[in-house]
Amino acid sequence: MKIAFKKITTPKSFQLQKEGLHLDGTLSRVDSKIIKLDGHLDGELELICDRSGEKFTKKFSESLVLYISDGIWHMQNQNMLGSFDVIEFFDGFIDLDSILHSEIESIRTDYHIKGE
């Protein structure tokens, strides 16, 4: 799902699902170039245990706050947000499917042990 940056004048709700995980939340404008994603990620994801190599399913329920930039994000603006979680898009659209895919891949690259 893609949403144009210019269409976010008031908070917009969204819901996505991929690979057993659900992401829902709102997109709201911070300034002319920054959108805040305030969401919740929950569901189950199949992972591989780093000790045994066995597949297992892990439950997730996490808050997610990201900032989305329309174009290049300059680090001197970092103090404005107080966060380093800034995603840059360059075509005038926010690709929520891409964001959820990126979060799933980030989870998968983390260290996981079955039963913990």
PDB file of N, CA and C in Angstrom:
ATOM      1  N   MET A   1       0.842  -1.164   0.000  1.00  0.00           N
ATOM      2  CA  MET A   1       0.000   0.000   0.000  1.00  0.00           C
ATOM      3  C   MET A   1       0.892   1.234   0.000  1.00  0.00           C
ATOM      4  N   LYS A   2       0.648   2.102  -0.975  1.00  0.00           N
ATOM      5  CA  LYS A   2       1.400   3.347  -1.056  1.00  0.00           C
ATOM      6  C   LYS A   2       0.462   4.518  -0.768  1.00  0.00           C
ATOM      7  N   ILE A   3       0.978   5.481  -0.025  1.00  0.00           N
ATOM      8  CA  ILE A   3       0.224   6.692   0.298  1.00  0.00           C
ATOM      9  C   ILE A   3       1.098   7.885  -0.067  1.00  0.00           C
ATOM     10  N   ALA A   4       0.531   8.848  -0.779  1.00  0.00           N
ATOM     11  CA  ALA A   4       1.274  10.042  -1.173  1.00  0.00           C
ATOM     12  C   ALA A   4       1.536  10.919   0.044  1.00  0.00           C
ATOM     13  N   PHE A   5       2.748  11.440   0.157  1.00  0.00           N
ATOM     14  CA  PHE A   5       3.098  12.342   1.257  1.00  0.00           C
ATOM     15  C   PHE A   5       2.115  13.509   1.325  1.00  0.00           C
ATOM     16  N   LYS A   6       1.778  14.076   0.174  1.00  0.00           N
ATOM     17  CA  LYS A   6       0.926  15.267   0.148  1.00  0.00           C
ATOM     18  C   LYS A   6      -0.498  14.985   0.609  1.00  0.00           C
ATOM     19  N   LYS A   7      -0.925  13.719   0.643  1.00  0.00           N
ATOM     20  CA  LYS A   7      -2.276  13.359   1.084  1.00  0.00           C
ATOM     21  C   LYS A   7      -2.400  13.310   2.604  1.00  0.00           C
ATOM     22  N   ILE A   8      -1.278  13.341   3.303  1.00  0.00           N
ATOM     23  CA  ILE A   8      -1.333  13.240   4.768  1.00  0.00           C
ATOM     24  C   ILE A   8      -1.360  14.647   5.354  1.00  0.00           C
ATOM     25  N   THR A   9      -2.573  15.178   5.456  1.00  0.00           N
ATOM     26  CA  THR A   9      -2.774  16.490   6.066  1.00  0.00           C
ATOM     27  C   THR A   9      -3.366  16.327   7.462  1.00  0.00           C
ATOM     28  N   THR A  10      -4.115  15.262   7.655  1.00  0.00           N
ATOM     29  CA  THR A  10      -4.640  14.880   8.969  1.00  0.00           C
ATOM     30  C   THR A  10      -4.188  13.444   9.210  1.00  0.00           C
ATOM     31  N   PRO A  11      -4.171  12.963  10.463  1.00  0.00           N
ATOM     32  CA  PRO A  11      -3.737  11.583  10.720  1.00  0.00           C
ATOM     33  C   PRO A  11      -4.541  10.560   9.915  1.00  0.00           C
ATOM     34  N   LYS A  12      -3.833   9.609   9.316  1.00  0.00           N
ATOM     35  CA  LYS A  12      -4.433   8.555   8.500  1.00  0.00           C
ATOM     36  C   LYS A  12      -4.165   7.204   9.151  1.00  0.00           C
ATOM     37  N   SER A  13      -5.219   6.427   9.345  1.00  0.00           N
ATOM     38  CA  SER A  13      -5.087   5.087   9.907  1.00  0.00           C
ATOM     39  C   SER A  13      -4.760   4.090   8.799  1.00  0.00           C
ATOM     40  N   PHE A  14      -4.077   3.015   9.167  1.00  0.00           N
ATOM     41  CA  PHE A  14      -3.757   1.958   8.214  1.00  0.00           C
ATOM     42  C   PHE A  14      -3.677   0.626   8.927  1.00  0.00           C
ATOM     43  N   GLN A  15      -3.837  -0.450   8.154  1.00  0.00           N
ATOM     44  CA  GLN A  15      -3.681  -1.817   8.641  1.00  0.00           C
ATOM     45  C   GLN A  15      -3.046  -2.641   7.537  1.00  0.00           C
ATOM     46  N   LEU A  16      -2.050  -3.436   7.899  1.00  0.00           N
ATOM     47  CA  LEU A  16      -1.372  -4.327   6.955  1.00  0.00           C
ATOM     48  C   LEU A  16      -1.153  -5.680   7.603  1.00  0.00           C
ATOM     49  N   GLN A  17      -1.051  -6.694   6.769  1.00  0.00           N
ATOM     50  CA  GLN A  17      -0.739  -8.024   7.267  1.00  0.00           C
ATOM     51  C   GLN A  17       0.216  -8.684   6.288  1.00  0.00           C
ATOM     52  N   LYS A  18       1.233  -9.342   6.844  1.00  0.00           N
ATOM     53  CA  LYS A  18       2.189 -10.069   6.013  1.00  0.00           C
ATOM     54  C   LYS A  18       2.848 -11.147   6.855  1.00  0.00           C
ATOM     55  N   GLU A  19       2.882 -12.354   6.336  1.00  0.00           N
ATOM     56  CA  GLU A  19       3.572 -13.484   6.966  1.00  0.00           C
ATOM     57  C   GLU A  19       3.180 -13.690   8.426  1.00  0.00           C
ATOM     58  N   GLY A  20       1.926 -13.483   8.759  1.00  0.00           N
ATOM     59  CA  GLY A  20       1.462 -13.721  10.122  1.00  0.00           C
ATOM     60  C   GLY A  20       1.624 -12.551  11.064  1.00  0.00           C
ATOM     61  N   LEU A  21       2.205 -11.457  10.607  1.00  0.00           N
ATOM     62  CA  LEU A  21       2.335 -10.256  11.435  1.00  0.00           C
ATOM     63  C   LEU A  21       1.378  -9.177  10.928  1.00  0.00           C
ATOM     64  N   HIS A  22       0.803  -8.454  11.885  1.00  0.00           N
ATOM     65  CA  HIS A  22      -0.122  -7.364  11.590  1.00  0.00           C
ATOM     66  C   HIS A  22       0.518  -6.061  12.041  1.00  0.00           C
ATOM     67  N   LEU A  23       0.457  -5.065  11.190  1.00  0.00           N
ATOM     68  CA  LEU A  23       0.913  -3.725  11.538  1.00  0.00           C
ATOM     69  C   LEU A  23      -0.262  -2.790  11.341  1.00  0.00           C
ATOM     70  N   ASP A  24      -0.660  -2.135  12.427  1.00  0.00           N
ATOM     71  CA  ASP A  24      -1.705  -1.127  12.302  1.00  0.00           C
ATOM     72  C   ASP A  24      -1.269   0.111  13.059  1.00  0.00           C
ATOM     73  N   GLY A  25      -1.788   1.252  12.648  1.00  0.00           N
ATOM     74  CA  GLY A  25      -1.397   2.491  13.300  1.00  0.00           C
ATOM     75  C   GLY A  25      -1.878   3.699  12.533  1.00  0.00           C
ATOM     76  N   THR A  26      -1.189   4.819  12.753  1.00  0.00           N
ATOM     77  CA  THR A  26      -1.541   6.069  12.091  1.00  0.00           C
ATOM     78  C   THR A  26      -0.288   6.732  11.528  1.00  0.00           C
ATOM     79  N   LEU A  27      -0.502   7.475  10.476  1.00  0.00           N
ATOM     80  CA  LEU A  27       0.522   8.323   9.886  1.00  0.00           C
ATOM     81  C   LEU A  27       0.092   9.756  10.131  1.00  0.00           C
ATOM     82  N   SER A  28       0.981  10.575  10.690  1.00  0.00           N
ATOM     83  CA  SER A  28       0.645  11.978  10.937  1.00  0.00           C
ATOM     84  C   SER A  28       1.829  12.858  10.552  1.00  0.00           C
ATOM     85  N   ARG A  29       1.512  14.036  10.087  1.00  0.00           N
ATOM     86  CA  ARG A  29       2.537  14.967   9.612  1.00  0.00           C
ATOM     87  C   ARG A  29       3.214  15.654  10.790  1.00  0.00           C
ATOM     88  N   VAL A  30       4.566  15.684  10.763  1.00  0.00           N
ATOM     89  CA  VAL A  30       5.368  16.394  11.754  1.00  0.00           C
ATOM     90  C   VAL A  30       5.734  17.763  11.207  1.00  0.00           C
ATOM     91  N   ASP A  31       6.200  17.777   9.955  1.00  0.00           N
ATOM     92  CA  ASP A  31       6.472  19.033   9.253  1.00  0.00           C
ATOM     93  C   ASP A  31       6.338  18.781   7.756  1.00  0.00           C
ATOM     94  N   SER A  32       6.793  19.700   6.935  1.00  0.00           N
ATOM     95  CA  SER A  32       6.578  19.588   5.490  1.00  0.00           C
ATOM     96  C   SER A  32       7.251  18.373   4.864  1.00  0.00           C
ATOM     97  N   LYS A  33       8.293  17.830   5.491  1.00  0.00           N
ATOM     98  CA  LYS A  33       9.026  16.700   4.914  1.00  0.00           C
ATOM     99  C   LYS A  33       8.996  15.434   5.768  1.00  0.00           C
ATOM    100  N   ILE A  34       8.434  15.501   6.965  1.00  0.00           N
ATOM    101  CA  ILE A  34       8.486  14.357   7.894  1.00  0.00           C
ATOM    102  C   ILE A  34       7.079  13.894   8.274  1.00  0.00           C
ATOM    103  N   ILE A  35       6.894  12.565   8.194  1.00  0.00           N
ATOM    104  CA  ILE A  35       5.666  11.904   8.633  1.00  0.00           C
ATOM    105  C   ILE A  35       6.046  10.959   9.764  1.00  0.00           C
ATOM    106  N   LYS A  36       5.216  10.909  10.798  1.00  0.00           N
ATOM    107  CA  LYS A  36       5.437   9.991  11.920  1.00  0.00           C
ATOM    108  C   LYS A  36       4.508   8.789  11.777  1.00  0.00           C
ATOM    109  N   LEU A  37       5.101   7.591  11.824  1.00  0.00           N
ATOM    110  CA  LEU A  37       4.340   6.357  11.863  1.00  0.00           C
ATOM    111  C   LEU A  37       4.308   5.903  13.312  1.00  0.00           C
ATOM    112  N   ASP A  38       3.117   5.851  13.868  1.00  0.00           N
ATOM    113  CA  ASP A  38       2.918   5.393  15.242  1.00  0.00           C
ATOM    114  C   ASP A  38       2.047   4.153  15.149  1.00  0.00           C
ATOM    115  N   GLY A  39       2.656   2.991  15.375  1.00  0.00           N
ATOM    116  CA  GLY A  39       1.926   1.760  15.132  1.00  0.00           C
ATOM    117  C   GLY A  39       2.179   0.678  16.162  1.00  0.00           C
ATOM    118  N   HIS A  40       1.532  -0.453  15.899  1.00  0.00           N
ATOM    119  CA  HIS A  40       1.679  -1.627  16.752  1.00  0.00           C
ATOM    120  C   HIS A  40       1.850  -2.843  15.848  1.00  0.00           C
ATOM    121  N   LEU A  41       2.865  -3.639  16.134  1.00  0.00           N
ATOM    122  CA  LEU A  41       3.177  -4.840  15.377  1.00  0.00           C
ATOM    123  C   LEU A  41       2.868  -6.044  16.262  1.00  0.00           C
ATOM    124  N   ASP A  42       1.959  -6.908  15.782  1.00  0.00           N
ATOM    125  CA  ASP A  42       1.689  -8.104  16.574  1.00  0.00           C
ATOM    126  C   ASP A  42       1.360  -9.278  15.656  1.00  0.00           C
ATOM    127  N   GLY A  43       1.454 -10.466  16.239  1.00  0.00           N
ATOM    128  CA  GLY A  43       1.203 -11.698  15.509  1.00  0.00           C
ATOM    129  C   GLY A  43       2.301 -12.704  15.757  1.00  0.00           C
ATOM    130  N   GLU A  44       2.424 -13.656  14.848  1.00  0.00           N
ATOM    131  CA  GLU A  44       3.416 -14.715  14.972  1.00  0.00           C
ATOM    132  C   GLU A  44       4.263 -14.780  13.708  1.00  0.00           C
ATOM    133  N   LEU A  45       5.533 -15.117  13.901  1.00  0.00           N
ATOM    134  CA  LEU A  45       6.466 -15.218  12.779  1.00  0.00           C
ATOM    135  C   LEU A  45       7.304 -16.477  12.947  1.00  0.00           C
ATOM    136  N   GLU A  46       7.479 -17.217  11.868  1.00  0.00           N
ATOM    137  CA  GLU A  46       8.324 -18.404  11.911  1.00  0.00           C
ATOM    138  C   GLU A  46       9.782 -17.976  11.789  1.00  0.00           C
ATOM    139  N   LEU A  47      10.595 -18.443  12.732  1.00  0.00           N
ATOM    140  CA  LEU A  47      12.020 -18.099  12.789  1.00  0.00           C
ATOM    141  C   LEU A  47      12.845 -19.378  12.855  1.00  0.00           C
ATOM    142  N   ILE A  48      14.152 -19.225  12.764  1.00  0.00           N
ATOM    143  CA  ILE A  48      15.069 -20.361  12.893  1.00  0.00           C
ATOM    144  C   ILE A  48      15.922 -20.151  14.133  1.00  0.00           C
ATOM    145  N   CYS A  49      15.963 -21.170  14.993  1.00  0.00           N
ATOM    146  CA  CYS A  49      16.763 -21.112  16.219  1.00  0.00           C
ATOM    147  C   CYS A  49      18.239 -21.046  15.849  1.00  0.00           C
ATOM    148  N   ASP A  50      18.946 -20.080  16.429  1.00  0.00           N
ATOM    149  CA  ASP A  50      20.369 -19.921  16.136  1.00  0.00           C
ATOM    150  C   ASP A  50      21.233 -20.985  16.801  1.00  0.00           C
ATOM    151  N   ARG A  51      20.704 -21.691  17.786  1.00  0.00           N
ATOM    152  CA  ARG A  51      21.461 -22.772  18.425  1.00  0.00           C
ATOM    153  C   ARG A  51      21.265 -24.103  17.726  1.00  0.00           C
ATOM    154  N   SER A  52      19.989 -24.471  17.513  1.00  0.00           N
ATOM    155  CA  SER A  52      19.694 -25.808  16.998  1.00  0.00           C
ATOM    156  C   SER A  52      19.419 -25.849  15.495  1.00  0.00           C
ATOM    157  N   GLY A  53      19.100 -24.708  14.903  1.00  0.00           N
ATOM    158  CA  GLY A  53      18.748 -24.676  13.492  1.00  0.00           C
ATOM    159  C   GLY A  53      17.311 -25.095  13.214  1.00  0.00           C
ATOM    160  N   GLU A  54      16.544 -25.352  14.283  1.00  0.00           N
ATOM    161  CA  GLU A  54      15.152 -25.766  14.130  1.00  0.00           C
ATOM    162  C   GLU A  54      14.249 -24.556  13.901  1.00  0.00           C
ATOM    163  N   LYS A  55      13.199 -24.774  13.125  1.00  0.00           N
ATOM    164  CA  LYS A  55      12.191 -23.734  12.933  1.00  0.00           C
ATOM    165  C   LYS A  55      11.267 -23.690  14.143  1.00  0.00           C
ATOM    166  N   PHE A  56      10.844 -22.483  14.514  1.00  0.00           N
ATOM    167  CA  PHE A  56       9.865 -22.324  15.580  1.00  0.00           C
ATOM    168  C   PHE A  56       9.089 -21.038  15.337  1.00  0.00           C
ATOM    169  N   THR A  57       7.955 -20.932  16.003  1.00  0.00           N
ATOM    170  CA  THR A  57       7.098 -19.760  15.860  1.00  0.00           C
ATOM    171  C   THR A  57       7.215 -18.907  17.107  1.00  0.00           C
ATOM    172  N   LYS A  58       7.386 -17.606  16.902  1.00  0.00           N
ATOM    173  CA  LYS A  58       7.513 -16.673  18.018  1.00  0.00           C
ATOM    174  C   LYS A  58       6.407 -15.624  17.915  1.00  0.00           C
ATOM    175  N   LYS A  59       5.811 -15.308  19.070  1.00  0.00           N
ATOM    176  CA  LYS A  59       4.757 -14.294  19.124  1.00  0.00           C
ATOM    177  C   LYS A  59       5.384 -12.913  19.338  1.00  0.00           C
ATOM    178  N   PHE A  60       4.779 -11.915  18.711  1.00  0.00           N
ATOM    179  CA  PHE A  60       5.239 -10.536  18.833  1.00  0.00           C
ATOM    180  C   PHE A  60       4.070  -9.633  19.195  1.00  0.00           C
ATOM    181  N   SER A  61       4.357  -8.638  20.016  1.00  0.00           N
ATOM    182  CA  SER A  61       3.422  -7.571  20.335  1.00  0.00           C
ATOM    183  C   SER A  61       4.278  -6.372  20.743  1.00  0.00           C
ATOM    184  N   GLU A  62       4.536  -5.497  19.783  1.00  0.00           N
ATOM    185  CA  GLU A  62       5.475  -4.397  20.014  1.00  0.00           C
ATOM    186  C   GLU A  62       4.940  -3.092  19.449  1.00  0.00           C
ATOM    187  N   SER A  63       5.246  -2.006  20.134  1.00  0.00           N
ATOM    188  CA  SER A  63       4.964  -0.684  19.595  1.00  0.00           C
ATOM    189  C   SER A  63       6.051  -0.332  18.595  1.00  0.00           C
ATOM    190  N   LEU A  64       5.679   0.457  17.606  1.00  0.00           N
ATOM    191  CA  LEU A  64       6.623   0.830  16.572  1.00  0.00           C
ATOM    192  C   LEU A  64       6.431   2.311  16.255  1.00  0.00           C
ATOM    193  N   VAL A  65       7.514   3.085  16.413  1.00  0.00           N
ATOM    194  CA  VAL A  65       7.494   4.500  16.062  1.00  0.00           C
ATOM    195  C   VAL A  65       8.627   4.739  15.075  1.00  0.00           C
ATOM    196  N   LEU A  66       8.262   5.215  13.889  1.00  0.00           N
ATOM    197  CA  LEU A  66       9.240   5.506  12.852  1.00  0.00           C
ATOM    198  C   LEU A  66       8.943   6.889  12.289  1.00  0.00           C
ATOM    199  N   TYR A  67       9.959   7.519  11.767  1.00  0.00           N
ATOM    200  CA  TYR A  67       9.789   8.783  11.064  1.00  0.00           C
ATOM    201  C   TYR A  67      10.129   8.542   9.607  1.00  0.00           C
ATOM    202  N   ILE A  68       9.331   9.114   8.734  1.00  0.00           N
ATOM    203  CA  ILE A  68       9.469   8.890   7.304  1.00  0.00           C
ATOM    204  C   ILE A  68       9.735  10.229   6.637  1.00  0.00           C
ATOM    205  N   SER A  69      10.802  10.269   5.856  1.00  0.00           N
ATOM    206  CA  SER A  69      11.221  11.510   5.213  1.00  0.00           C
ATOM    207  C   SER A  69      10.876  11.487   3.729  1.00  0.00           C
ATOM    208  N   ASP A  70      10.377  12.610   3.241  1.00  0.00           N
ATOM    209  CA  ASP A  70      10.139  12.787   1.818  1.00  0.00           C
ATOM    210  C   ASP A  70      11.430  13.344   1.217  1.00  0.00           C
ATOM    211  N   GLY A  71      12.335  12.455   0.846  1.00  0.00           N
ATOM    212  CA  GLY A  71      13.643  12.843   0.343  1.00  0.00           C
ATOM    213  C   GLY A  71      14.732  12.569   1.364  1.00  0.00           C
ATOM    214  N   ILE A  72      15.877  13.151   1.133  1.00  0.00           N
ATOM    215  CA  ILE A  72      17.049  12.919   1.989  1.00  0.00           C
ATOM    216  C   ILE A  72      16.835  13.539   3.361  1.00  0.00           C
ATOM    217  N   TRP A  73      17.161  12.762   4.399  1.00  0.00           N
ATOM    218  CA  TRP A  73      17.082  13.231   5.785  1.00  0.00           C
ATOM    219  C   TRP A  73      18.471  13.699   6.202  1.00  0.00           C
ATOM    220  N   HIS A  74      18.569  14.954   6.593  1.00  0.00           N
ATOM    221  CA  HIS A  74      19.854  15.511   7.001  1.00  0.00           C
ATOM    222  C   HIS A  74      20.037  15.332   8.502  1.00  0.00           C
ATOM    223  N   MET A  75      21.177  14.794   8.895  1.00  0.00           N
ATOM    224  CA  MET A  75      21.447  14.484  10.304  1.00  0.00           C
ATOM    225  C   MET A  75      21.378  15.706  11.212  1.00  0.00           C
ATOM    226  N   GLN A  76      21.613  16.907  10.696  1.00  0.00           N
ATOM    227  CA  GLN A  76      21.547  18.087  11.560  1.00  0.00           C
ATOM    228  C   GLN A  76      20.113  18.318  12.047  1.00  0.00           C
ATOM    229  N   ASN A  77      19.138  17.701  11.408  1.00  0.00           N
ATOM    230  CA  ASN A  77      17.745  17.801  11.846  1.00  0.00           C
ATOM    231  C   ASN A  77      17.400  16.756  12.907  1.00  0.00           C
ATOM    232  N   GLN A  78      18.347  15.899  13.262  1.00  0.00           N
ATOM    233  CA  GLN A  78      18.085  14.777  14.162  1.00  0.00           C
ATOM    234  C   GLN A  78      17.550  15.217  15.516  1.00  0.00           C
ATOM    235  N   ASN A  79      18.041  16.329  16.050  1.00  0.00           N
ATOM    236  CA  ASN A  79      17.581  16.776  17.366  1.00  0.00           C
ATOM    237  C   ASN A  79      16.092  17.080  17.376  1.00  0.00           C
ATOM    238  N   MET A  80      15.551  17.441  16.226  1.00  0.00           N
ATOM    239  CA  MET A  80      14.137  17.749  16.127  1.00  0.00           C
ATOM    240  C   MET A  80      13.281  16.527  16.487  1.00  0.00           C
ATOM    241  N   LEU A  81      13.722  15.342  16.104  1.00  0.00           N
ATOM    242  CA  LEU A  81      12.930  14.133  16.311  1.00  0.00           C
ATOM    243  C   LEU A  81      13.319  13.365  17.563  1.00  0.00           C
ATOM    244  N   GLY A  82      14.568  13.446  17.955  1.00  0.00           N
ATOM    245  CA  GLY A  82      15.023  12.669  19.103  1.00  0.00           C
ATOM    246  C   GLY A  82      15.077  11.184  18.811  1.00  0.00           C
ATOM    247  N   SER A  83      15.135  10.806  17.544  1.00  0.00           N
ATOM    248  CA  SER A  83      15.131   9.401  17.173  1.00  0.00           C
ATOM    249  C   SER A  83      16.024   9.195  15.951  1.00  0.00           C
ATOM    250  N   PHE A  84      16.599   8.001  15.827  1.00  0.00           N
ATOM    251  CA  PHE A  84      17.413   7.691  14.660  1.00  0.00           C
ATOM    252  C   PHE A  84      16.667   6.803  13.678  1.00  0.00           C
ATOM    253  N   ASP A  85      15.393   6.512  13.936  1.00  0.00           N
ATOM    254  CA  ASP A  85      14.610   5.657  13.061  1.00  0.00           C
ATOM    255  C   ASP A  85      13.917   6.499  11.997  1.00  0.00           C
ATOM    256  N   VAL A  86      14.666   6.888  10.962  1.00  0.00           N
ATOM    257  CA  VAL A  86      14.129   7.690   9.863  1.00  0.00           C
ATOM    258  C   VAL A  86      14.281   6.888   8.571  1.00  0.00           C
ATOM    259  N   ILE A  87      13.173   6.734   7.861  1.00  0.00           N
ATOM    260  CA  ILE A  87      13.170   6.028   6.588  1.00  0.00           C
ATOM    261  C   ILE A  87      12.988   7.067   5.492  1.00  0.00           C
ATOM    262  N   GLU A  88      13.814   6.980   4.461  1.00  0.00           N
ATOM    263  CA  GLU A  88      13.748   7.938   3.358  1.00  0.00           C
ATOM    264  C   GLU A  88      13.045   7.313   2.149  1.00  0.00           C
ATOM    265  N   PHE A  89      12.100   8.059   1.581  1.00  0.00           N
ATOM    266  CA  PHE A  89      11.472   7.686   0.311  1.00  0.00           C
ATOM    267  C   PHE A  89      11.708   8.826  -0.662  1.00  0.00           C
ATOM    268  N   PHE A  90      11.861   8.503  -1.937  1.00  0.00           N
ATOM    269  CA  PHE A  90      12.265   9.505  -2.914  1.00  0.00           C
ATOM    270  C   PHE A  90      11.281   9.701  -4.067  1.00  0.00           C
ATOM    271  N   ASP A  91      10.133   9.047  -4.017  1.00  0.00           N
ATOM    272  CA  ASP A  91       9.192   9.172  -5.127  1.00  0.00           C
ATOM    273  C   ASP A  91       7.898   9.900  -4.747  1.00  0.00           C
ATOM    274  N   GLY A  92       7.875  10.515  -3.550  1.00  0.00           N
ATOM    275  CA  GLY A  92       6.683  11.235  -3.113  1.00  0.00           C
ATOM    276  C   GLY A  92       5.632  10.358  -2.466  1.00  0.00           C
ATOM    277  N   PHE A  93       5.936   9.055  -2.301  1.00  0.00           N
ATOM    278  CA  PHE A  93       4.989   8.115  -1.709  1.00  0.00           C
ATOM    279  C   PHE A  93       5.622   7.384  -0.535  1.00  0.00           C
ATOM    280  N   ILE A  94       4.788   7.012   0.428  1.00  0.00           N
ATOM    281  CA  ILE A  94       5.194   6.156   1.540  1.00  0.00           C
ATOM    282  C   ILE A  94       4.748   4.744   1.189  1.00  0.00           C
ATOM    283  N   ASP A  95       5.683   3.808   1.128  1.00  0.00           N
ATOM    284  CA  ASP A  95       5.374   2.419   0.790  1.00  0.00           C
ATOM    285  C   ASP A  95       5.290   1.611   2.083  1.00  0.00           C
ATOM    286  N   LEU A  96       4.067   1.448   2.594  1.00  0.00           N
ATOM    287  CA  LEU A  96       3.875   0.736   3.863  1.00  0.00           C
ATOM    288  C   LEU A  96       4.219  -0.740   3.751  1.00  0.00           C
ATOM    289  N   ASP A  97       3.991  -1.352   2.590  1.00  0.00           N
ATOM    290  CA  ASP A  97       4.377  -2.756   2.404  1.00  0.00           C
ATOM    291  C   ASP A  97       5.887  -2.925   2.554  1.00  0.00           C
ATOM    292  N   SER A  98       6.634  -1.994   2.010  1.00  0.00           N
ATOM    293  CA  SER A  98       8.090  -2.023   2.109  1.00  0.00           C
ATOM    294  C   SER A  98       8.544  -1.867   3.565  1.00  0.00           C
ATOM    295  N   ILE A  99       7.877  -1.002   4.307  1.00  0.00           N
ATOM    296  CA  ILE A  99       8.220  -0.801   5.719  1.00  0.00           C
ATOM    297  C   ILE A  99       7.973  -2.076   6.513  1.00  0.00           C
ATOM    298  N   LEU A 100       6.810  -2.722   6.309  1.00  0.00           N
ATOM    299  CA  LEU A 100       6.514  -3.961   7.031  1.00  0.00           C
ATOM    300  C   LEU A 100       7.498  -5.056   6.630  1.00  0.00           C
ATOM    301  N   HIS A 101       7.805  -5.179   5.348  1.00  0.00           N
ATOM    302  CA  HIS A 101       8.783  -6.168   4.895  1.00  0.00           C
ATOM    303  C   HIS A 101      10.142  -5.937   5.564  1.00  0.00           C
ATOM    304  N   SER A 102      10.549  -4.687   5.651  1.00  0.00           N
ATOM    305  CA  SER A 102      11.825  -4.337   6.272  1.00  0.00           C
ATOM    306  C   SER A 102      11.838  -4.699   7.760  1.00  0.00           C
ATOM    307  N   GLU A 103      10.726  -4.462   8.446  1.00  0.00           N
ATOM    308  CA  GLU A 103      10.640  -4.819   9.865  1.00  0.00           C
ATOM    309  C   GLU A 103      10.722  -6.333  10.056  1.00  0.00           C
ATOM    310  N   ILE A 104      10.065  -7.090   9.186  1.00  0.00           N
ATOM    311  CA  ILE A 104      10.118  -8.553   9.266  1.00  0.00           C
ATOM    312  C   ILE A 104      11.544  -9.053   9.039  1.00  0.00           C
ATOM    313  N   GLU A 105      12.213  -8.519   8.048  1.00  0.00           N
ATOM    314  CA  GLU A 105      13.592  -8.934   7.771  1.00  0.00           C
ATOM    315  C   GLU A 105      14.527  -8.532   8.913  1.00  0.00           C
ATOM    316  N   SER A 106      14.274  -7.407   9.527  1.00  0.00           N
ATOM    317  CA  SER A 106      15.071  -6.986  10.676  1.00  0.00           C
ATOM    318  C   SER A 106      14.903  -7.958  11.848  1.00  0.00           C
ATOM    319  N   ILE A 107      13.690  -8.409  12.072  1.00  0.00           N
ATOM    320  CA  ILE A 107      13.426  -9.403  13.124  1.00  0.00           C
ATOM    321  C   ILE A 107      14.171 -10.687  12.799  1.00  0.00           C
ATOM    322  N   ARG A 108      14.085 -11.132  11.561  1.00  0.00           N
ATOM    323  CA  ARG A 108      14.730 -12.393  11.164  1.00  0.00           C
ATOM    324  C   ARG A 108      16.244 -12.359  11.323  1.00  0.00           C
ATOM    325  N   THR A 109      16.864 -11.219  11.117  1.00  0.00           N
ATOM    326  CA  THR A 109      18.331 -11.145  11.226  1.00  0.00           C
ATOM    327  C   THR A 109      18.802 -11.053  12.666  1.00  0.00           C
ATOM    328  N   ASP A 110      17.892 -10.864  13.598  1.00  0.00           N
ATOM    329  CA  ASP A 110      18.245 -10.817  15.010  1.00  0.00           C
ATOM    330  C   ASP A 110      18.591 -12.227  15.498  1.00  0.00           C
ATOM    331  N   TYR A 111      19.117 -12.338  16.699  1.00  0.00           N
ATOM    332  CA  TYR A 111      19.502 -13.624  17.308  1.00  0.00           C
ATOM    333  C   TYR A 111      18.274 -14.215  18.000  1.00  0.00           C
ATOM    334  N   HIS A 112      17.886 -15.441  17.620  1.00  0.00           N
ATOM    335  CA  HIS A 112      16.694 -16.085  18.182  1.00  0.00           C
ATOM    336  C   HIS A 112      17.043 -17.470  18.720  1.00  0.00           C
ATOM    337  N   ILE A 113      16.509 -17.759  19.902  1.00  0.00           N
ATOM    338  CA  ILE A 113      16.680 -19.091  20.501  1.00  0.00           C
ATOM    339  C   ILE A 113      15.302 -19.631  20.819  1.00  0.00           C
ATOM    340  N   LYS A 114      15.046 -20.839  20.352  1.00  0.00           N
ATOM    341  CA  LYS A 114      13.767 -21.509  20.576  1.00  0.00           C
ATOM    342  C   LYS A 114      13.510 -21.644  22.075  1.00  0.00           C
ATOM    343  N   GLY A 115      12.316 -21.270  22.503  1.00  0.00           N
ATOM    344  CA  GLY A 115      11.942 -21.410  23.898  1.00  0.00           C
ATOM    345  C   GLY A 115      12.231 -20.176  24.737  1.00  0.00           C
ATOM    346  N   GLU A 116      12.821 -19.160  24.173  1.00  0.00           N
ATOM    347  CA  GLU A 116      13.094 -17.923  24.933  1.00  0.00           C
ATOM    348  C   GLU A 116      12.193 -16.822  24.489  1.00  0.00           C
TER     349      GLU A 116
END
